Amino acid sequence: MNRRTRRELIDRLRCDARRIAVHFGLRFRSVEAERANVRSRYGVCFSDGEIRIRLRHARTGDPLKYSSLVNTLCHELAHLRYFHHGERFKAFYLELLAWARSQAIYRPGPAGVGEIAPPRSAGSAARRSAAARAAGRAAAKLPTAAPGPTQLGLFG
């Protein structure tokens, strides 16, 4: 991937991250490209609000599909509210993805064609959305993360 492609991808991700964050009342410090040699994760969120997204395919080095990058971005943005992978996190992550899809930010292709699809959940979209809103209200009562950046892996 050349510098221009890398810069265009990260600039577009930053713009979309701002749109999503503003809509959901989230604050992040920065969205950066992950180091090229990182192959063990798609993204990472630190407690100080820094988000890093891997832009390249681990084997080929080709740019990842933009919808895959947005999926990862939504995952990491959800960590700004829930610094874990519990049920409230999952509900909020799905709410972020649904909103990004409604705004044509997240446009996944057919499943099985290299796209990362959102996890399937039992129940209707309305129930998931209501659960996500309730989880968001509950989050407002939770203590904030400890100061100082700590890393959260993609899977916990």
C-alpha atoms as a PDB file:
ATOM      1  CA  MET A   1       0.000   0.000   0.000  1.00  0.00           C
ATOM      2  CA  ASN A   2       1.439   3.366  -0.923  1.00  0.00           C
ATOM      3  CA  ARG A   3       1.411   6.454   1.296  1.00  0.00           C
ATOM      4  CA  ARG A   4      -1.338   8.148  -0.670  1.00  0.00           C
ATOM      5  CA  THR A   5      -3.717   5.193  -0.334  1.00  0.00           C
ATOM      6  CA  ARG A   6      -2.888   4.893   3.364  1.00  0.00           C
ATOM      7  CA  ARG A   7      -3.509   8.622   3.935  1.00  0.00           C
ATOM      8  CA  GLU A   8      -6.814   8.551   2.008  1.00  0.00           C
ATOM      9  CA  LEU A   9      -8.065   5.557   3.998  1.00  0.00           C
ATOM     10  CA  ILE A  10      -7.161   6.990   7.390  1.00  0.00           C
ATOM     11  CA  ASP A  11      -8.588  10.434   6.499  1.00  0.00           C
ATOM     12  CA  ARG A  12     -11.872   8.828   5.441  1.00  0.00           C
ATOM     13  CA  LEU A  13     -11.964   6.729   8.630  1.00  0.00           C
ATOM     14  CA  ARG A  14     -11.353   9.831  10.770  1.00  0.00           C
ATOM     15  CA  CYS A  15     -14.187  11.673   9.045  1.00  0.00           C
ATOM     16  CA  ASP A  16     -16.571   8.745   9.535  1.00  0.00           C
ATOM     17  CA  ALA A  17     -15.404   8.281  13.142  1.00  0.00           C
ATOM     18  CA  ARG A  18     -16.279  11.927  13.860  1.00  0.00           C
ATOM     19  CA  ARG A  19     -19.769  11.485  12.372  1.00  0.00           C
ATOM     20  CA  ILE A  20     -20.430   8.359  14.410  1.00  0.00           C
ATOM     21  CA  ALA A  21     -18.919   9.790  17.600  1.00  0.00           C
ATOM     22  CA  VAL A  22     -20.925  13.004  17.393  1.00  0.00           C
ATOM     23  CA  HIS A  23     -24.173  11.111  16.870  1.00  0.00           C
ATOM     24  CA  PHE A  24     -23.553   8.858  19.890  1.00  0.00           C
ATOM     25  CA  GLY A  25     -21.898  11.415  22.164  1.00  0.00           C
ATOM     26  CA  LEU A  26     -18.512   9.662  22.124  1.00  0.00           C
ATOM     27  CA  ARG A  27     -15.119  11.323  22.445  1.00  0.00           C
ATOM     28  CA  PHE A  28     -11.912   9.943  20.999  1.00  0.00           C
ATOM     29  CA  ARG A  29      -8.446  11.418  20.873  1.00  0.00           C
ATOM     30  CA  SER A  30      -7.311  10.133  17.484  1.00  0.00           C
ATOM     31  CA  VAL A  31      -7.781   7.496  14.822  1.00  0.00           C
ATOM     32  CA  GLU A  32      -4.478   6.260  13.454  1.00  0.00           C
ATOM     33  CA  ALA A  33      -3.277   3.537  11.114  1.00  0.00           C
ATOM     34  CA  GLU A  34      -1.855   0.553  12.980  1.00  0.00           C
ATOM     35  CA  ARG A  35       1.786  -0.300  12.351  1.00  0.00           C
ATOM     36  CA  ALA A  36       2.268  -2.375   9.201  1.00  0.00           C
ATOM     37  CA  ASN A  37       3.842  -5.287  11.084  1.00  0.00           C
ATOM     38  CA  VAL A  38       0.821  -5.796  13.389  1.00  0.00           C
ATOM     39  CA  ARG A  39      -1.031  -8.908  12.263  1.00  0.00           C
ATOM     40  CA  SER A  40      -2.649 -10.176  15.459  1.00  0.00           C
ATOM     41  CA  ARG A  41      -5.578  -7.736  15.580  1.00  0.00           C
ATOM     42  CA  TYR A  42      -7.714  -5.551  13.352  1.00  0.00           C
ATOM     43  CA  GLY A  43      -7.907  -2.653  15.765  1.00  0.00           C
ATOM     44  CA  VAL A  44      -7.197  -1.469  19.264  1.00  0.00           C
ATOM     45  CA  CYS A  45      -8.669   1.173  21.551  1.00  0.00           C
ATOM     46  CA  PHE A  46      -6.714   2.711  24.404  1.00  0.00           C
ATOM     47  CA  SER A  47      -8.287   4.223  27.496  1.00  0.00           C
ATOM     48  CA  ASP A  48      -6.982   7.680  26.523  1.00  0.00           C
ATOM     49  CA  GLY A  49      -9.178   7.609  23.393  1.00  0.00           C
ATOM     50  CA  GLU A  50      -6.548   6.668  20.829  1.00  0.00           C
ATOM     51  CA  ILE A  51      -7.824   4.191  18.238  1.00  0.00           C
ATOM     52  CA  ARG A  52      -5.602   2.292  15.818  1.00  0.00           C
ATOM     53  CA  ILE A  53      -6.957   0.403  12.830  1.00  0.00           C
ATOM     54  CA  ARG A  54      -5.028  -2.108  10.716  1.00  0.00           C
ATOM     55  CA  LEU A  55      -5.439  -1.043   7.089  1.00  0.00           C
ATOM     56  CA  ARG A  56      -3.741  -3.980   5.366  1.00  0.00           C
ATOM     57  CA  HIS A  57      -4.571  -7.596   4.862  1.00  0.00           C
ATOM     58  CA  ALA A  58      -2.205  -9.659   7.047  1.00  0.00           C
ATOM     59  CA  ARG A  59      -1.096 -11.990   4.232  1.00  0.00           C
ATOM     60  CA  THR A  60      -1.291  -9.954   1.035  1.00  0.00           C
ATOM     61  CA  GLY A  61      -0.594  -6.455   2.325  1.00  0.00           C
ATOM     62  CA  ASP A  62      -3.467  -5.166   0.185  1.00  0.00           C
ATOM     63  CA  PRO A  63      -5.804  -2.559   1.657  1.00  0.00           C
ATOM     64  CA  LEU A  64      -8.717  -4.113   3.541  1.00  0.00           C
ATOM     65  CA  LYS A  65     -12.195  -3.431   2.188  1.00  0.00           C
ATOM     66  CA  TYR A  66     -13.549  -0.187   3.542  1.00  0.00           C
ATOM     67  CA  SER A  67     -16.583  -1.886   5.064  1.00  0.00           C
ATOM     68  CA  SER A  68     -14.219  -4.117   7.064  1.00  0.00           C
ATOM     69  CA  LEU A  69     -12.379  -1.039   8.299  1.00  0.00           C
ATOM     70  CA  VAL A  70     -15.662   0.607   9.342  1.00  0.00           C
ATOM     71  CA  ASN A  71     -16.730  -2.567  11.132  1.00  0.00           C
ATOM     72  CA  THR A  72     -13.484  -2.469  13.114  1.00  0.00           C
ATOM     73  CA  LEU A  73     -13.886   1.265  13.702  1.00  0.00           C
ATOM     74  CA  CYS A  74     -17.368   0.744  15.174  1.00  0.00           C
ATOM     75  CA  HIS A  75     -15.998  -2.026  17.393  1.00  0.00           C
ATOM     76  CA  GLU A  76     -13.272   0.261  18.723  1.00  0.00           C
ATOM     77  CA  LEU A  77     -15.624   3.231  19.123  1.00  0.00           C
ATOM     78  CA  ALA A  78     -17.919   1.013  21.211  1.00  0.00           C
ATOM     79  CA  HIS A  79     -14.966   0.503  23.563  1.00  0.00           C
ATOM     80  CA  LEU A  80     -15.026   4.217  24.341  1.00  0.00           C
ATOM     81  CA  ARG A  81     -18.213   3.517  26.289  1.00  0.00           C
ATOM     82  CA  TYR A  82     -17.593  -0.102  27.362  1.00  0.00           C
ATOM     83  CA  PHE A  83     -13.985  -1.158  27.851  1.00  0.00           C
ATOM     84  CA  HIS A  84     -14.899  -4.867  27.746  1.00  0.00           C
ATOM     85  CA  HIS A  85     -16.700  -7.354  25.474  1.00  0.00           C
ATOM     86  CA  GLY A  86     -19.810  -7.910  27.612  1.00  0.00           C
ATOM     87  CA  GLU A  87     -23.453  -7.834  26.553  1.00  0.00           C
ATOM     88  CA  ARG A  88     -23.783  -4.041  26.862  1.00  0.00           C
ATOM     89  CA  PHE A  89     -20.714  -3.606  24.664  1.00  0.00           C
ATOM     90  CA  LYS A  90     -22.116  -6.001  22.046  1.00  0.00           C
ATOM     91  CA  ALA A  91     -25.492  -4.242  21.993  1.00  0.00           C
ATOM     92  CA  PHE A  92     -23.850  -0.828  21.627  1.00  0.00           C
ATOM     93  CA  TYR A  93     -21.474  -2.086  18.917  1.00  0.00           C
ATOM     94  CA  LEU A  94     -24.466  -3.419  16.949  1.00  0.00           C
ATOM     95  CA  GLU A  95     -26.243  -0.084  17.406  1.00  0.00           C
ATOM     96  CA  LEU A  96     -23.182   1.758  16.036  1.00  0.00           C
ATOM     97  CA  LEU A  97     -23.023  -0.590  13.045  1.00  0.00           C
ATOM     98  CA  ALA A  98     -26.747  -0.229  12.359  1.00  0.00           C
ATOM     99  CA  TRP A  99     -26.515   3.557  12.422  1.00  0.00           C
ATOM    100  CA  ALA A 100     -23.395   3.534  10.238  1.00  0.00           C
ATOM    101  CA  ARG A 101     -25.274   1.305   7.781  1.00  0.00           C
ATOM    102  CA  SER A 102     -28.291   3.663   7.790  1.00  0.00           C
ATOM    103  CA  GLN A 103     -25.939   6.541   6.942  1.00  0.00           C
ATOM    104  CA  ALA A 104     -24.206   4.555   4.150  1.00  0.00           C
ATOM    105  CA  ILE A 105     -20.932   4.644   6.096  1.00  0.00           C
ATOM    106  CA  TYR A 106     -20.975   0.877   6.605  1.00  0.00           C
ATOM    107  CA  ARG A 107     -21.823  -0.991   3.395  1.00  0.00           C
ATOM    108  CA  PRO A 108     -20.902  -4.657   3.709  1.00  0.00           C
ATOM    109  CA  GLY A 109     -20.982  -6.957   0.721  1.00  0.00           C
ATOM    110  CA  PRO A 110     -22.565 -10.388   0.656  1.00  0.00           C
ATOM    111  CA  ALA A 111     -21.435 -12.720   3.434  1.00  0.00           C
ATOM    112  CA  GLY A 112     -18.601 -15.027   2.454  1.00  0.00           C
ATOM    113  CA  VAL A 113     -16.982 -12.561   0.049  1.00  0.00           C
ATOM    114  CA  GLY A 114     -14.289 -11.391   2.423  1.00  0.00           C
ATOM    115  CA  GLU A 115     -16.405  -8.952   4.391  1.00  0.00           C
ATOM    116  CA  ILE A 116     -16.654  -8.951   8.150  1.00  0.00           C
ATOM    117  CA  ALA A 117     -20.354  -9.197   8.910  1.00  0.00           C
ATOM    118  CA  PRO A 118     -21.824  -8.004  12.217  1.00  0.00           C
ATOM    119  CA  PRO A 119     -22.520 -10.824  14.655  1.00  0.00           C
ATOM    120  CA  ARG A 120     -25.973 -12.373  14.363  1.00  0.00           C
ATOM    121  CA  SER A 121     -28.239 -11.986  17.339  1.00  0.00           C
ATOM    122  CA  ALA A 122     -31.539 -13.589  18.191  1.00  0.00           C
ATOM    123  CA  GLY A 123     -34.542 -11.303  18.260  1.00  0.00           C
ATOM    124  CA  SER A 124     -35.765  -8.421  16.204  1.00  0.00           C
ATOM    125  CA  ALA A 125     -33.796  -5.307  15.375  1.00  0.00           C
ATOM    126  CA  ALA A 126     -36.259  -3.297  17.467  1.00  0.00           C
ATOM    127  CA  ARG A 127     -35.518  -5.400  20.558  1.00  0.00           C
ATOM    128  CA  ARG A 128     -31.758  -5.116  19.929  1.00  0.00           C
ATOM    129  CA  SER A 129     -32.077  -1.355  19.546  1.00  0.00           C
ATOM    130  CA  ALA A 130     -34.141  -1.046  22.741  1.00  0.00           C
ATOM    131  CA  ALA A 131     -31.608  -3.203  24.572  1.00  0.00           C
ATOM    132  CA  ALA A 132     -28.780  -1.032  23.272  1.00  0.00           C
ATOM    133  CA  ARG A 133     -30.526   2.159  24.451  1.00  0.00           C
ATOM    134  CA  ALA A 134     -31.110   0.639  27.889  1.00  0.00           C
ATOM    135  CA  ALA A 135     -27.479  -0.443  28.028  1.00  0.00           C
ATOM    136  CA  GLY A 136     -26.409   3.104  27.151  1.00  0.00           C
ATOM    137  CA  ARG A 137     -28.485   4.519  30.008  1.00  0.00           C
ATOM    138  CA  ALA A 138     -26.950   1.980  32.390  1.00  0.00           C
ATOM    139  CA  ALA A 139     -23.461   2.908  31.175  1.00  0.00           C
ATOM    140  CA  ALA A 140     -23.943   6.474  32.287  1.00  0.00           C
ATOM    141  CA  LYS A 141     -23.981   5.156  35.858  1.00  0.00           C
ATOM    142  CA  LEU A 142     -20.733   3.162  35.505  1.00  0.00           C
ATOM    143  CA  PRO A 143     -17.376   4.535  36.681  1.00  0.00           C
ATOM    144  CA  THR A 144     -14.987   5.702  33.984  1.00  0.00           C
ATOM    145  CA  ALA A 145     -11.849   3.803  33.016  1.00  0.00           C
ATOM    146  CA  ALA A 146      -8.681   4.272  35.046  1.00  0.00           C
ATOM    147  CA  PRO A 147      -6.379   7.052  33.828  1.00  0.00           C
ATOM    148  CA  GLY A 148      -3.462   6.227  31.563  1.00  0.00           C
ATOM    149  CA  PRO A 149      -3.643   4.359  28.286  1.00  0.00           C
ATOM    150  CA  THR A 150      -4.131   0.622  28.471  1.00  0.00           C
ATOM    151  CA  GLN A 151      -4.644  -1.675  25.546  1.00  0.00           C
ATOM    152  CA  LEU A 152      -7.696  -3.798  24.955  1.00  0.00           C
ATOM    153  CA  GLY A 153      -7.257  -6.708  22.596  1.00  0.00           C
ATOM    154  CA  LEU A 154      -9.789  -7.491  19.874  1.00  0.00           C
ATOM    155  CA  PHE A 155     -11.100 -10.574  21.665  1.00  0.00           C
ATOM    156  CA  GLY A 156     -11.250 -10.993  25.439  1.00  0.00           C
END
